[in-house]
Amino acid sequence: MFRWEYIILFIFYTIGLSQVNYSSEIQPIFDNNCTNCHGNSGGLNLSSYSNLMDGNSNNGPVITPYVHASSELWIKVNSGQMPPQGNDLSNTLVDLIAQWI
């Protein structure tokens, strides 16, 4: 029985039922790669969850909850457009953002 519990936990984890924690997994990505430009200035502010969910002052929401492929933020990081100047996020980080959304 003990072995089956681990197998079940592994299955739940691998099919994506585990949740990504914004504070410990997503905000550090933004802090390390995005807030130099998208911090306390006008436009999109990625310095906190509430600022992110407020969206871009110029264009509105950047996150479409539960639909990463429609979220402007994911589209920009997945395409390599953001962060600029060859500082692309790794595929692992882009995938983590998609899982969070």
PDB file of N, CA and C in Angstrom:
ATOM      1  N   MET A   1       0.821  -1.197   0.000  1.00  0.00           N
ATOM      2  CA  MET A   1       0.000   0.000   0.000  1.00  0.00           C
ATOM      3  C   MET A   1       0.860   1.255   0.000  1.00  0.00           C
ATOM      4  N   PHE A   2       1.918   1.230   0.760  1.00  0.00           N
ATOM      5  CA  PHE A   2       2.811   2.377   0.841  1.00  0.00           C
ATOM      6  C   PHE A   2       3.354   2.747  -0.538  1.00  0.00           C
ATOM      7  N   ARG A   3       3.709   1.760  -1.321  1.00  0.00           N
ATOM      8  CA  ARG A   3       4.237   1.994  -2.661  1.00  0.00           C
ATOM      9  C   ARG A   3       3.189   2.636  -3.568  1.00  0.00           C
ATOM     10  N   TRP A   4       1.948   2.208  -3.472  1.00  0.00           N
ATOM     11  CA  TRP A   4       0.877   2.765  -4.297  1.00  0.00           C
ATOM     12  C   TRP A   4       0.643   4.234  -4.011  1.00  0.00           C
ATOM     13  N   GLU A   5       0.808   4.640  -2.763  1.00  0.00           N
ATOM     14  CA  GLU A   5       0.635   6.050  -2.424  1.00  0.00           C
ATOM     15  C   GLU A   5       1.639   6.917  -3.171  1.00  0.00           C
ATOM     16  N   TYR A   6       2.883   6.462  -3.253  1.00  0.00           N
ATOM     17  CA  TYR A   6       3.894   7.217  -3.999  1.00  0.00           C
ATOM     18  C   TYR A   6       3.602   7.234  -5.487  1.00  0.00           C
ATOM     19  N   ILE A   7       3.114   6.143  -5.997  1.00  0.00           N
ATOM     20  CA  ILE A   7       2.770   6.086  -7.420  1.00  0.00           C
ATOM     21  C   ILE A   7       1.639   7.056  -7.728  1.00  0.00           C
ATOM     22  N   ILE A   8       0.633   7.089  -6.885  1.00  0.00           N
ATOM     23  CA  ILE A   8      -0.491   8.006  -7.087  1.00  0.00           C
ATOM     24  C   ILE A   8      -0.019   9.455  -7.002  1.00  0.00           C
ATOM     25  N   LEU A   9       0.820   9.780  -6.019  1.00  0.00           N
ATOM     26  CA  LEU A   9       1.354  11.144  -5.913  1.00  0.00           C
ATOM     27  C   LEU A   9       2.162  11.508  -7.146  1.00  0.00           C
ATOM     28  N   PHE A  10       2.951  10.577  -7.638  1.00  0.00           N
ATOM     29  CA  PHE A  10       3.749  10.824  -8.841  1.00  0.00           C
ATOM     30  C   PHE A  10       2.844  11.105 -10.036  1.00  0.00           C
ATOM     31  N   ILE A  11       1.786  10.336 -10.176  1.00  0.00           N
ATOM     32  CA  ILE A  11       0.859  10.535 -11.293  1.00  0.00           C
ATOM     33  C   ILE A  11       0.213  11.920 -11.208  1.00  0.00           C
ATOM     34  N   PHE A  12      -0.265  12.306 -10.025  1.00  0.00           N
ATOM     35  CA  PHE A  12      -0.862  13.631  -9.872  1.00  0.00           C
ATOM     36  C   PHE A  12       0.146  14.719 -10.223  1.00  0.00           C
ATOM     37  N   TYR A  13       1.370  14.552  -9.798  1.00  0.00           N
ATOM     38  CA  TYR A  13       2.395  15.560 -10.075  1.00  0.00           C
ATOM     39  C   TYR A  13       2.686  15.652 -11.562  1.00  0.00           C
ATOM     40  N   THR A  14       2.836  14.517 -12.231  1.00  0.00           N
ATOM     41  CA  THR A  14       3.221  14.529 -13.630  1.00  0.00           C
ATOM     42  C   THR A  14       2.108  14.972 -14.562  1.00  0.00           C
ATOM     43  N   ILE A  15       0.840  14.831 -14.157  1.00  0.00           N
ATOM     44  CA  ILE A  15      -0.233  15.283 -15.048  1.00  0.00           C
ATOM     45  C   ILE A  15      -0.638  16.717 -14.774  1.00  0.00           C
ATOM     46  N   GLY A  16       0.110  17.379 -13.925  1.00  0.00           N
ATOM     47  CA  GLY A  16      -0.104  18.807 -13.756  1.00  0.00           C
ATOM     48  C   GLY A  16      -1.094  19.215 -12.700  1.00  0.00           C
ATOM     49  N   LEU A  17      -1.437  18.339 -11.796  1.00  0.00           N
ATOM     50  CA  LEU A  17      -2.373  18.715 -10.764  1.00  0.00           C
ATOM     51  C   LEU A  17      -1.703  19.440  -9.608  1.00  0.00           C
ATOM     52  N   SER A  18      -0.385  19.480  -9.623  1.00  0.00           N
ATOM     53  CA  SER A  18       0.310  20.248  -8.597  1.00  0.00           C
ATOM     54  C   SER A  18       0.225  21.724  -8.961  1.00  0.00           C
ATOM     55  N   GLN A  19       0.165  22.568  -7.971  1.00  0.00           N
ATOM     56  CA  GLN A  19       0.039  23.993  -8.217  1.00  0.00           C
ATOM     57  C   GLN A  19       1.397  24.662  -8.157  1.00  0.00           C
ATOM     58  N   VAL A  20       1.580  25.656  -9.001  1.00  0.00           N
ATOM     59  CA  VAL A  20       2.780  26.472  -8.978  1.00  0.00           C
ATOM     60  C   VAL A  20       2.534  27.610  -8.005  1.00  0.00           C
ATOM     61  N   ASN A  21       3.466  27.835  -7.099  1.00  0.00           N
ATOM     62  CA  ASN A  21       3.331  28.884  -6.103  1.00  0.00           C
ATOM     63  C   ASN A  21       3.860  30.199  -6.671  1.00  0.00           C
ATOM     64  N   TYR A  22       2.993  31.201  -6.745  1.00  0.00           N
ATOM     65  CA  TYR A  22       3.390  32.481  -7.327  1.00  0.00           C
ATOM     66  C   TYR A  22       4.553  33.107  -6.566  1.00  0.00           C
ATOM     67  N   SER A  23       4.431  33.207  -5.251  1.00  0.00           N
ATOM     68  CA  SER A  23       5.426  33.927  -4.441  1.00  0.00           C
ATOM     69  C   SER A  23       6.811  33.299  -4.493  1.00  0.00           C
ATOM     70  N   SER A  24       6.877  31.986  -4.426  1.00  0.00           N
ATOM     71  CA  SER A  24       8.182  31.331  -4.357  1.00  0.00           C
ATOM     72  C   SER A  24       8.736  30.884  -5.699  1.00  0.00           C
ATOM     73  N   GLU A  25       7.871  30.766  -6.738  1.00  0.00           N
ATOM     74  CA  GLU A  25       8.349  30.264  -8.025  1.00  0.00           C
ATOM     75  C   GLU A  25       8.254  31.275  -9.166  1.00  0.00           C
ATOM     76  N   ILE A  26       7.213  32.084  -9.197  1.00  0.00           N
ATOM     77  CA  ILE A  26       7.004  33.003 -10.323  1.00  0.00           C
ATOM     78  C   ILE A  26       7.578  34.388 -10.042  1.00  0.00           C
ATOM     79  N   GLN A  27       7.279  34.964  -8.882  1.00  0.00           N
ATOM     80  CA  GLN A  27       7.788  36.306  -8.589  1.00  0.00           C
ATOM     81  C   GLN A  27       9.317  36.373  -8.680  1.00  0.00           C
ATOM     82  N   PRO A  28      10.061  35.353  -8.219  1.00  0.00           N
ATOM     83  CA  PRO A  28      11.521  35.418  -8.389  1.00  0.00           C
ATOM     84  C   PRO A  28      11.965  35.475  -9.852  1.00  0.00           C
ATOM     85  N   ILE A  29      11.222  34.845 -10.756  1.00  0.00           N
ATOM     86  CA  ILE A  29      11.546  34.945 -12.190  1.00  0.00           C
ATOM     87  C   ILE A  29      11.428  36.393 -12.627  1.00  0.00           C
ATOM     88  N   PHE A  30      10.322  37.036 -12.242  1.00  0.00           N
ATOM     89  CA  PHE A  30      10.114  38.434 -12.612  1.00  0.00           C
ATOM     90  C   PHE A  30      11.159  39.336 -11.946  1.00  0.00           C
ATOM     91  N   ASP A  31      11.436  39.089 -10.673  1.00  0.00           N
ATOM     92  CA  ASP A  31      12.427  39.909  -9.962  1.00  0.00           C
ATOM     93  C   ASP A  31      13.798  39.826 -10.614  1.00  0.00           C
ATOM     94  N   ASN A  32      14.181  38.646 -11.064  1.00  0.00           N
ATOM     95  CA  ASN A  32      15.511  38.441 -11.643  1.00  0.00           C
ATOM     96  C   ASN A  32      15.616  38.843 -13.106  1.00  0.00           C
ATOM     97  N   ASN A  33      14.486  38.908 -13.814  1.00  0.00           N
ATOM     98  CA  ASN A  33      14.558  39.100 -15.262  1.00  0.00           C
ATOM     99  C   ASN A  33      13.732  40.244 -15.825  1.00  0.00           C
ATOM    100  N   CYS A  34      12.794  40.782 -15.039  1.00  0.00           N
ATOM    101  CA  CYS A  34      11.811  41.687 -15.633  1.00  0.00           C
ATOM    102  C   CYS A  34      11.652  43.034 -14.938  1.00  0.00           C
ATOM    103  N   THR A  35      11.805  43.068 -13.627  1.00  0.00           N
ATOM    104  CA  THR A  35      11.430  44.277 -12.893  1.00  0.00           C
ATOM    105  C   THR A  35      12.403  45.433 -13.079  1.00  0.00           C
ATOM    106  N   ASN A  36      13.570  45.189 -13.680  1.00  0.00           N
ATOM    107  CA  ASN A  36      14.445  46.329 -13.998  1.00  0.00           C
ATOM    108  C   ASN A  36      13.736  47.285 -14.946  1.00  0.00           C
ATOM    109  N   CYS A  37      12.978  46.740 -15.876  1.00  0.00           N
ATOM    110  CA  CYS A  37      12.226  47.572 -16.822  1.00  0.00           C
ATOM    111  C   CYS A  37      10.747  47.666 -16.448  1.00  0.00           C
ATOM    112  N   HIS A  38      10.203  46.584 -15.924  1.00  0.00           N
ATOM    113  CA  HIS A  38       8.774  46.518 -15.607  1.00  0.00           C
ATOM    114  C   HIS A  38       8.587  46.486 -14.091  1.00  0.00           C
ATOM    115  N   GLY A  39       9.085  47.518 -13.436  1.00  0.00           N
ATOM    116  CA  GLY A  39       8.980  47.603 -11.978  1.00  0.00           C
ATOM    117  C   GLY A  39       8.109  48.757 -11.573  1.00  0.00           C
ATOM    118  N   ASN A  40       8.709  49.800 -11.089  1.00  0.00           N
ATOM    119  CA  ASN A  40       7.947  50.933 -10.565  1.00  0.00           C
ATOM    120  C   ASN A  40       7.707  52.037 -11.575  1.00  0.00           C
ATOM    121  N   SER A  41       7.917  51.761 -12.829  1.00  0.00           N
ATOM    122  CA  SER A  41       7.671  52.783 -13.852  1.00  0.00           C
ATOM    123  C   SER A  41       6.279  52.597 -14.449  1.00  0.00           C
ATOM    124  N   GLY A  42       5.907  53.434 -15.379  1.00  0.00           N
ATOM    125  CA  GLY A  42       4.594  53.341 -16.019  1.00  0.00           C
ATOM    126  C   GLY A  42       4.469  52.077 -16.840  1.00  0.00           C
ATOM    127  N   GLY A  43       3.280  51.743 -17.223  1.00  0.00           N
ATOM    128  CA  GLY A  43       3.056  50.541 -18.004  1.00  0.00           C
ATOM    129  C   GLY A  43       2.949  49.317 -17.127  1.00  0.00           C
ATOM    130  N   LEU A  44       3.404  48.204 -17.625  1.00  0.00           N
ATOM    131  CA  LEU A  44       3.311  46.941 -16.903  1.00  0.00           C
ATOM    132  C   LEU A  44       4.253  46.918 -15.709  1.00  0.00           C
ATOM    133  N   ASN A  45       3.729  46.563 -14.545  1.00  0.00           N
ATOM    134  CA  ASN A  45       4.513  46.496 -13.318  1.00  0.00           C
ATOM    135  C   ASN A  45       4.478  45.058 -12.805  1.00  0.00           C
ATOM    136  N   LEU A  46       5.636  44.384 -12.841  1.00  0.00           N
ATOM    137  CA  LEU A  46       5.724  42.990 -12.426  1.00  0.00           C
ATOM    138  C   LEU A  46       6.339  42.829 -11.047  1.00  0.00           C
ATOM    139  N   SER A  47       6.278  43.863 -10.233  1.00  0.00           N
ATOM    140  CA  SER A  47       6.911  43.806  -8.918  1.00  0.00           C
ATOM    141  C   SER A  47       6.069  43.100  -7.863  1.00  0.00           C
ATOM    142  N   SER A  48       4.814  42.785  -8.166  1.00  0.00           N
ATOM    143  CA  SER A  48       3.961  42.051  -7.227  1.00  0.00           C
ATOM    144  C   SER A  48       2.807  41.402  -7.990  1.00  0.00           C
ATOM    145  N   TYR A  49       2.172  40.448  -7.329  1.00  0.00           N
ATOM    146  CA  TYR A  49       1.024  39.772  -7.924  1.00  0.00           C
ATOM    147  C   TYR A  49      -0.089  40.764  -8.264  1.00  0.00           C
ATOM    148  N   SER A  50      -0.410  41.640  -7.327  1.00  0.00           N
ATOM    149  CA  SER A  50      -1.517  42.576  -7.568  1.00  0.00           C
ATOM    150  C   SER A  50      -1.202  43.516  -8.726  1.00  0.00           C
ATOM    151  N   ASN A  51       0.053  43.964  -8.819  1.00  0.00           N
ATOM    152  CA  ASN A  51       0.428  44.821  -9.950  1.00  0.00           C
ATOM    153  C   ASN A  51       0.330  44.060 -11.270  1.00  0.00           C
ATOM    154  N   LEU A  52       0.792  42.817 -11.270  1.00  0.00           N
ATOM    155  CA  LEU A  52       0.705  41.997 -12.481  1.00  0.00           C
ATOM    156  C   LEU A  52      -0.740  41.831 -12.920  1.00  0.00           C
ATOM    157  N   MET A  53      -1.602  41.507 -11.975  1.00  0.00           N
ATOM    158  CA  MET A  53      -2.997  41.262 -12.321  1.00  0.00           C
ATOM    159  C   MET A  53      -3.742  42.540 -12.703  1.00  0.00           C
ATOM    160  N   ASP A  54      -3.213  43.702 -12.301  1.00  0.00           N
ATOM    161  CA  ASP A  54      -3.777  44.970 -12.763  1.00  0.00           C
ATOM    162  C   ASP A  54      -3.519  45.152 -14.246  1.00  0.00           C
ATOM    163  N   GLY A  55      -2.487  44.510 -14.764  1.00  0.00           N
ATOM    164  CA  GLY A  55      -2.184  44.554 -16.187  1.00  0.00           C
ATOM    165  C   GLY A  55      -1.365  45.754 -16.568  1.00  0.00           C
ATOM    166  N   ASN A  56      -1.376  46.024 -17.834  1.00  0.00           N
ATOM    167  CA  ASN A  56      -0.605  47.104 -18.417  1.00  0.00           C
ATOM    168  C   ASN A  56      -1.497  48.335 -18.506  1.00  0.00           C
ATOM    169  N   SER A  57      -1.037  49.426 -17.974  1.00  0.00           N
ATOM    170  CA  SER A  57      -1.859  50.641 -17.970  1.00  0.00           C
ATOM    171  C   SER A  57      -2.204  51.100 -19.379  1.00  0.00           C
ATOM    172  N   ASN A  58      -1.419  50.685 -20.352  1.00  0.00           N
ATOM    173  CA  ASN A  58      -1.672  51.095 -21.727  1.00  0.00           C
ATOM    174  C   ASN A  58      -2.587  50.127 -22.479  1.00  0.00           C
ATOM    175  N   ASN A  59      -2.514  48.833 -22.154  1.00  0.00           N
ATOM    176  CA  ASN A  59      -3.211  47.839 -22.955  1.00  0.00           C
ATOM    177  C   ASN A  59      -4.116  46.891 -22.182  1.00  0.00           C
ATOM    178  N   GLY A  60      -4.253  47.059 -20.885  1.00  0.00           N
ATOM    179  CA  GLY A  60      -5.136  46.193 -20.114  1.00  0.00           C
ATOM    180  C   GLY A  60      -4.467  44.916 -19.630  1.00  0.00           C
ATOM    181  N   PRO A  61      -5.263  43.883 -19.357  1.00  0.00           N
ATOM    182  CA  PRO A  61      -4.748  42.649 -18.757  1.00  0.00           C
ATOM    183  C   PRO A  61      -3.686  41.963 -19.619  1.00  0.00           C
ATOM    184  N   VAL A  62      -2.702  41.364 -18.946  1.00  0.00           N
ATOM    185  CA  VAL A  62      -1.662  40.614 -19.646  1.00  0.00           C
ATOM    186  C   VAL A  62      -1.751  39.123 -19.335  1.00  0.00           C
ATOM    187  N   ILE A  63      -2.644  38.761 -18.412  1.00  0.00           N
ATOM    188  CA  ILE A  63      -2.868  37.367 -18.044  1.00  0.00           C
ATOM    189  C   ILE A  63      -4.319  37.007 -18.345  1.00  0.00           C
ATOM    190  N   THR A  64      -4.517  35.901 -19.069  1.00  0.00           N
ATOM    191  CA  THR A  64      -5.837  35.324 -19.245  1.00  0.00           C
ATOM    192  C   THR A  64      -5.857  34.086 -18.362  1.00  0.00           C
ATOM    193  N   PRO A  65      -6.488  34.162 -17.182  1.00  0.00           N
ATOM    194  CA  PRO A  65      -6.429  33.038 -16.245  1.00  0.00           C
ATOM    195  C   PRO A  65      -6.813  31.708 -16.884  1.00  0.00           C
ATOM    196  N   TYR A  66      -5.986  30.701 -16.621  1.00  0.00           N
ATOM    197  CA  TYR A  66      -6.171  29.320 -17.068  1.00  0.00           C
ATOM    198  C   TYR A  66      -5.921  29.113 -18.557  1.00  0.00           C
ATOM    199  N   VAL A  67      -5.553  30.165 -19.293  1.00  0.00           N
ATOM    200  CA  VAL A  67      -5.309  30.027 -20.731  1.00  0.00           C
ATOM    201  C   VAL A  67      -3.985  30.723 -21.063  1.00  0.00           C
ATOM    202  N   HIS A  68      -2.883  30.018 -20.823  1.00  0.00           N
ATOM    203  CA  HIS A  68      -1.592  30.665 -21.025  1.00  0.00           C
ATOM    204  C   HIS A  68      -1.366  31.087 -22.468  1.00  0.00           C
ATOM    205  N   ALA A  69      -1.860  30.301 -23.427  1.00  0.00           N
ATOM    206  CA  ALA A  69      -1.627  30.616 -24.837  1.00  0.00           C
ATOM    207  C   ALA A  69      -2.293  31.916 -25.273  1.00  0.00           C
ATOM    208  N   SER A  70      -3.271  32.399 -24.519  1.00  0.00           N
ATOM    209  CA  SER A  70      -3.932  33.670 -24.819  1.00  0.00           C
ATOM    210  C   SER A  70      -3.425  34.810 -23.950  1.00  0.00           C
ATOM    211  N   SER A  71      -2.499  34.521 -23.068  1.00  0.00           N
ATOM    212  CA  SER A  71      -1.986  35.531 -22.142  1.00  0.00           C
ATOM    213  C   SER A  71      -0.826  36.276 -22.779  1.00  0.00           C
ATOM    214  N   GLU A  72      -0.955  37.578 -22.863  1.00  0.00           N
ATOM    215  CA  GLU A  72       0.071  38.407 -23.504  1.00  0.00           C
ATOM    216  C   GLU A  72       1.443  38.204 -22.866  1.00  0.00           C
ATOM    217  N   LEU A  73       1.485  38.071 -21.552  1.00  0.00           N
ATOM    218  CA  LEU A  73       2.767  37.875 -20.883  1.00  0.00           C
ATOM    219  C   LEU A  73       3.446  36.600 -21.384  1.00  0.00           C
ATOM    220  N   TRP A  74       2.718  35.490 -21.440  1.00  0.00           N
ATOM    221  CA  TRP A  74       3.305  34.227 -21.902  1.00  0.00           C
ATOM    222  C   TRP A  74       3.703  34.314 -23.372  1.00  0.00           C
ATOM    223  N   ILE A  75       2.880  34.943 -24.180  1.00  0.00           N
ATOM    224  CA  ILE A  75       3.202  35.085 -25.604  1.00  0.00           C
ATOM    225  C   ILE A  75       4.538  35.803 -25.768  1.00  0.00           C
ATOM    226  N   LYS A  76       4.756  36.861 -25.001  1.00  0.00           N
ATOM    227  CA  LYS A  76       6.006  37.643 -25.100  1.00  0.00           C
ATOM    228  C   LYS A  76       7.219  36.836 -24.636  1.00  0.00           C
ATOM    229  N   VAL A  77       7.101  36.114 -23.509  1.00  0.00           N
ATOM    230  CA  VAL A  77       8.270  35.365 -23.034  1.00  0.00           C
ATOM    231  C   VAL A  77       8.499  34.108 -23.854  1.00  0.00           C
ATOM    232  N   ASN A  78       7.450  33.482 -24.342  1.00  0.00           N
ATOM    233  CA  ASN A  78       7.599  32.272 -25.152  1.00  0.00           C
ATOM    234  C   ASN A  78       8.234  32.575 -26.502  1.00  0.00           C
ATOM    235  N   SER A  79       7.919  33.724 -27.072  1.00  0.00           N
ATOM    236  CA  SER A  79       8.474  34.101 -28.371  1.00  0.00           C
ATOM    237  C   SER A  79       9.912  34.610 -28.271  1.00  0.00           C
ATOM    238  N   GLY A  80      10.357  34.909 -27.054  1.00  0.00           N
ATOM    239  CA  GLY A  80      11.688  35.483 -26.872  1.00  0.00           C
ATOM    240  C   GLY A  80      11.705  36.991 -26.987  1.00  0.00           C
ATOM    241  N   GLN A  81      10.538  37.597 -27.224  1.00  0.00           N
ATOM    242  CA  GLN A  81      10.468  39.053 -27.323  1.00  0.00           C
ATOM    243  C   GLN A  81      10.796  39.699 -25.977  1.00  0.00           C
ATOM    244  N   MET A  82      10.438  39.030 -24.890  1.00  0.00           N
ATOM    245  CA  MET A  82      10.752  39.504 -23.545  1.00  0.00           C
ATOM    246  C   MET A  82      11.395  38.370 -22.763  1.00  0.00           C
ATOM    247  N   PRO A  83      12.347  38.650 -21.954  1.00  0.00           N
ATOM    248  CA  PRO A  83      13.079  39.906 -21.834  1.00  0.00           C
ATOM    249  C   PRO A  83      13.905  40.183 -23.096  1.00  0.00           C
ATOM    250  N   PRO A  84      14.162  41.451 -23.378  1.00  0.00           N
ATOM    251  CA  PRO A  84      14.854  41.833 -24.609  1.00  0.00           C
ATOM    252  C   PRO A  84      16.361  41.588 -24.542  1.00  0.00           C
ATOM    253  N   GLN A  85      16.997  41.837 -25.643  1.00  0.00           N
ATOM    254  CA  GLN A  85      18.463  41.851 -25.771  1.00  0.00           C
ATOM    255  C   GLN A  85      19.112  40.507 -25.482  1.00  0.00           C
ATOM    256  N   GLY A  86      18.540  39.417 -25.998  1.00  0.00           N
ATOM    257  CA  GLY A  86      19.164  38.110 -25.883  1.00  0.00           C
ATOM    258  C   GLY A  86      19.158  37.504 -24.495  1.00  0.00           C
ATOM    259  N   ASN A  87      18.344  38.020 -23.595  1.00  0.00           N
ATOM    260  CA  ASN A  87      18.253  37.481 -22.241  1.00  0.00           C
ATOM    261  C   ASN A  87      17.035  36.577 -22.091  1.00  0.00           C
ATOM    262  N   ASP A  88      16.775  35.763 -23.094  1.00  0.00           N
ATOM    263  CA  ASP A  88      15.580  34.913 -23.082  1.00  0.00           C
ATOM    264  C   ASP A  88      15.533  34.037 -21.841  1.00  0.00           C
ATOM    265  N   LEU A  89      14.332  33.793 -21.382  1.00  0.00           N
ATOM    266  CA  LEU A  89      14.131  32.861 -20.283  1.00  0.00           C
ATOM    267  C   LEU A  89      14.325  31.437 -20.797  1.00  0.00           C
ATOM    268  N   SER A  90      14.777  30.552 -19.936  1.00  0.00           N
ATOM    269  CA  SER A  90      14.922  29.149 -20.327  1.00  0.00           C
ATOM    270  C   SER A  90      13.542  28.547 -20.594  1.00  0.00           C
ATOM    271  N   ASN A  91      13.528  27.471 -21.349  1.00  0.00           N
ATOM    272  CA  ASN A  91      12.262  26.783 -21.617  1.00  0.00           C
ATOM    273  C   ASN A  91      11.602  26.331 -20.320  1.00  0.00           C
ATOM    274  N   THR A  92      12.404  25.945 -19.348  1.00  0.00           N
ATOM    275  CA  THR A  92      11.863  25.515 -18.059  1.00  0.00           C
ATOM    276  C   THR A  92      11.104  26.648 -17.381  1.00  0.00           C
ATOM    277  N   LEU A  93      11.664  27.858 -17.396  1.00  0.00           N
ATOM    278  CA  LEU A  93      10.997  29.000 -16.768  1.00  0.00           C
ATOM    279  C   LEU A  93       9.747  29.404 -17.537  1.00  0.00           C
ATOM    280  N   VAL A  94       9.804  29.373 -18.860  1.00  0.00           N
ATOM    281  CA  VAL A  94       8.628  29.698 -19.678  1.00  0.00           C
ATOM    282  C   VAL A  94       7.525  28.682 -19.411  1.00  0.00           C
ATOM    283  N   ASP A  95       7.892  27.401 -19.310  1.00  0.00           N
ATOM    284  CA  ASP A  95       6.902  26.365 -19.015  1.00  0.00           C
ATOM    285  C   ASP A  95       6.306  26.549 -17.622  1.00  0.00           C
ATOM    286  N   LEU A  96       7.125  26.951 -16.665  1.00  0.00           N
ATOM    287  CA  LEU A  96       6.629  27.183 -15.307  1.00  0.00           C
ATOM    288  C   LEU A  96       5.607  28.327 -15.285  1.00  0.00           C
ATOM    289  N   ILE A  97       5.889  29.376 -16.033  1.00  0.00           N
ATOM    290  CA  ILE A  97       4.936  30.501 -16.139  1.00  0.00           C
ATOM    291  C   ILE A  97       3.624  29.995 -16.762  1.00  0.00           C
ATOM    292  N   ALA A  98       3.723  29.169 -17.807  1.00  0.00           N
ATOM    293  CA  ALA A  98       2.518  28.626 -18.433  1.00  0.00           C
ATOM    294  C   ALA A  98       1.723  27.783 -17.448  1.00  0.00           C
ATOM    295  N   GLN A  99       2.402  26.961 -16.667  1.00  0.00           N
ATOM    296  CA  GLN A  99       1.714  26.132 -15.673  1.00  0.00           C
ATOM    297  C   GLN A  99       1.026  27.013 -14.625  1.00  0.00           C
ATOM    298  N   TRP A 100       1.687  28.085 -14.227  1.00  0.00           N
ATOM    299  CA  TRP A 100       1.090  28.977 -13.226  1.00  0.00           C
ATOM    300  C   TRP A 100      -0.169  29.642 -13.762  1.00  0.00           C
ATOM    301  N   ILE A 101      -0.106  30.120 -14.991  1.00  0.00           N
ATOM    302  CA  ILE A 101      -1.261  30.798 -15.574  1.00  0.00           C
ATOM    303  C   ILE A 101      -2.436  29.833 -15.644  1.00  0.00           C
TER     304      ILE A 101
END
